[in-house]
Amino acid sequence: MNRLNFEDTIFILNMRIRLLRDTLRLNSPPELFLDKTMDDLDFLDGILDTFTRDLVENENSNQFAAELVDYITDTEWQFSQLLNEFSANSGPLSANVFPQVQEKITVLSVNSNIRRSLVDKSDILAETAQTEPGVSSAEFIGLLGN
């Protein structure tokens, strides 16, 4: 996947996460939105799984992979926060009202943790840290004004 398609896809995923967050905040009728919301969570989980697998499998292929880590980890964090909101939500789509929602959230949370662990254990973060420009101690002191 080229950089432009990847960035567009990440943007779309983040928009869908925001949409689901907004859905939780509204008083949406579960009979209309519960199944679609659960499908959307599965969709997001699947795309994040594909991106993470591709990233980890191709970690040494080019600099592009190292640049993607921030995008994927940020989107994964947003997804994780969405899952936490589902668990804590007391609205009409809450895990308190629908036990199957809590079961799904638990499975998706485990998947998210596995993906984050894969990225953490890969060499990508080390490569990214090496390529990130740093501030020397002299520059830091200069920025602080002695």
Protein backbone atom coordinates (compact mmCIF):
# COMPACT_ATOMS: atom_id res chain seq x y z
CA MET A 1 0.00 0.00 0.00
CA ASN A 2 1.41 3.37 -0.88
CA ARG A 3 1.75 6.16 1.63
CA LEU A 4 -1.20 8.22 0.36
CA ASN A 5 -3.62 5.28 0.47
CA PHE A 6 -2.38 4.32 3.92
CA GLU A 7 -2.78 7.82 5.34
CA ASP A 8 -6.25 8.13 3.81
CA THR A 9 -7.23 4.76 5.29
CA ILE A 10 -5.97 5.73 8.75
CA PHE A 11 -7.91 9.00 8.48
CA ILE A 12 -11.08 7.07 7.61
CA LEU A 13 -10.53 4.64 10.51
CA ASN A 14 -10.13 7.51 12.94
CA MET A 15 -13.31 9.13 11.60
CA ARG A 16 -15.20 5.87 12.12
CA ILE A 17 -13.87 5.62 15.67
CA ARG A 18 -15.09 9.16 16.36
CA LEU A 19 -18.47 8.29 14.86
CA LEU A 20 -18.81 5.30 17.18
CA ARG A 21 -17.80 7.44 20.16
CA ASP A 22 -20.50 9.93 19.22
CA THR A 23 -23.01 7.10 18.83
CA LEU A 24 -22.28 6.05 22.41
CA ARG A 25 -22.91 9.56 23.69
CA LEU A 26 -26.30 9.84 22.01
CA ASN A 27 -29.50 8.13 23.04
CA SER A 28 -29.58 5.85 20.00
CA PRO A 29 -32.16 3.07 19.85
CA PRO A 30 -30.33 -0.26 20.24
CA GLU A 31 -32.70 -2.09 17.91
CA LEU A 32 -31.45 0.14 15.09
CA PHE A 33 -27.79 0.62 15.96
CA LEU A 34 -26.50 -2.28 18.09
CA ASP A 35 -25.80 -4.78 15.30
CA LYS A 36 -24.24 -2.17 13.00
CA THR A 37 -22.10 -0.81 15.81
CA MET A 38 -20.81 -4.31 16.62
CA ASP A 39 -20.09 -4.87 12.91
CA ASP A 40 -18.18 -1.58 12.80
CA LEU A 41 -16.07 -2.65 15.77
CA ASP A 42 -15.24 -5.92 13.97
CA PHE A 43 -14.38 -3.97 10.83
CA LEU A 44 -12.00 -1.65 12.69
CA ASP A 45 -10.41 -4.61 14.47
CA GLY A 46 -9.86 -6.41 11.16
CA ILE A 47 -8.23 -3.42 9.44
CA LEU A 48 -5.96 -2.74 12.43
CA ASP A 49 -5.02 -6.41 12.48
CA THR A 50 -4.13 -6.36 8.78
CA PHE A 51 -2.07 -3.17 9.12
CA THR A 52 -0.20 -4.44 12.16
CA ARG A 53 0.57 -7.82 10.58
CA ASP A 54 1.78 -6.16 7.37
CA LEU A 55 3.87 -3.69 9.32
CA VAL A 56 5.53 -6.32 11.51
CA GLU A 57 6.11 -8.75 8.62
CA ASN A 58 7.70 -6.02 6.47
CA GLU A 59 9.51 -4.13 9.22
CA ASN A 60 12.89 -4.26 7.50
CA SER A 61 11.63 -3.56 3.98
CA ASN A 62 11.94 0.24 3.98
CA GLN A 63 11.85 3.47 5.90
CA PHE A 64 8.15 3.82 5.04
CA ALA A 65 7.29 1.02 7.52
CA ALA A 66 9.05 2.84 10.35
CA GLU A 67 7.13 6.03 9.59
CA LEU A 68 3.80 4.18 9.77
CA VAL A 69 4.26 3.05 13.36
CA ASP A 70 3.05 6.35 14.79
CA TYR A 71 -0.09 6.30 12.68
CA ILE A 72 -0.96 2.73 13.54
CA THR A 73 -0.17 3.00 17.25
CA ASP A 74 -2.21 6.20 17.54
CA THR A 75 -5.19 4.64 15.79
CA GLU A 76 -4.82 1.51 17.91
CA TRP A 77 -4.84 3.69 21.03
CA GLN A 78 -7.99 5.49 19.80
CA PHE A 79 -9.62 2.10 19.21
CA SER A 80 -8.64 0.93 22.68
CA GLN A 81 -10.14 4.08 24.21
CA LEU A 82 -13.36 3.44 22.28
CA LEU A 83 -13.50 -0.09 23.72
CA ASN A 84 -13.00 1.33 27.22
CA GLU A 85 -15.84 3.77 26.63
CA PHE A 86 -18.10 0.89 25.58
CA SER A 87 -17.29 -0.91 28.82
CA ALA A 88 -17.89 2.17 30.97
CA ASN A 89 -20.90 3.46 29.05
CA SER A 90 -24.29 3.47 30.74
CA GLY A 91 -26.24 4.42 27.62
CA PRO A 92 -28.56 2.32 25.50
CA LEU A 93 -25.70 0.43 23.80
CA SER A 94 -23.84 -0.32 27.02
CA ALA A 95 -22.29 -3.56 28.09
CA ASN A 96 -24.44 -3.32 31.21
CA VAL A 97 -27.60 -3.64 29.13
CA PHE A 98 -26.30 -6.14 26.55
CA PRO A 99 -23.98 -8.88 27.87
CA GLN A 100 -22.94 -9.81 24.32
CA VAL A 101 -21.44 -6.32 24.01
CA GLN A 102 -19.15 -6.98 26.97
CA GLU A 103 -18.10 -10.33 25.48
CA LYS A 104 -17.27 -8.65 22.17
CA ILE A 105 -15.42 -5.78 23.88
CA THR A 106 -13.35 -8.29 25.86
CA VAL A 107 -12.31 -10.17 22.70
CA LEU A 108 -11.52 -6.95 20.83
CA SER A 109 -9.50 -5.63 23.79
CA VAL A 110 -7.42 -8.81 23.82
CA ASN A 111 -6.83 -8.43 20.06
CA SER A 112 -5.79 -4.81 20.54
CA ASN A 113 -3.36 -5.75 23.32
CA ILE A 114 -1.84 -8.47 21.13
CA ARG A 115 -1.31 -6.01 18.27
CA ARG A 116 0.33 -3.47 20.57
CA SER A 117 2.57 -6.18 21.95
CA LEU A 118 3.59 -7.23 18.43
CA VAL A 119 4.60 -3.69 17.56
CA ASP A 120 6.42 -3.27 20.88
CA LYS A 121 8.39 -6.49 20.35
CA SER A 122 9.31 -5.67 16.76
CA ASP A 123 12.40 -3.76 15.73
CA ILE A 124 10.29 -0.98 14.24
CA LEU A 125 10.22 1.16 17.39
CA ALA A 126 13.99 0.92 17.75
CA GLU A 127 14.42 1.96 14.10
CA THR A 128 12.02 4.85 14.58
CA ALA A 129 13.85 6.03 17.69
CA GLN A 130 17.13 5.98 15.80
CA THR A 131 15.72 8.00 12.91
CA GLU A 132 13.93 10.56 15.07
CA PRO A 133 15.92 13.76 15.38
CA GLY A 134 16.94 14.45 18.93
CA VAL A 135 17.83 17.56 20.83
CA SER A 136 21.38 17.62 22.11
CA SER A 137 22.02 18.69 25.69
CA ALA A 138 23.58 21.94 24.42
CA GLU A 139 20.51 22.68 22.31
CA PHE A 140 18.26 21.81 25.25
CA ILE A 141 20.12 24.20 27.57
CA GLY A 142 19.95 26.87 24.87
CA LEU A 143 16.21 26.37 24.53
CA LEU A 144 15.75 26.70 28.29
CA GLY A 145 17.79 29.84 28.35
CA ASN A 146 20.70 28.59 30.49
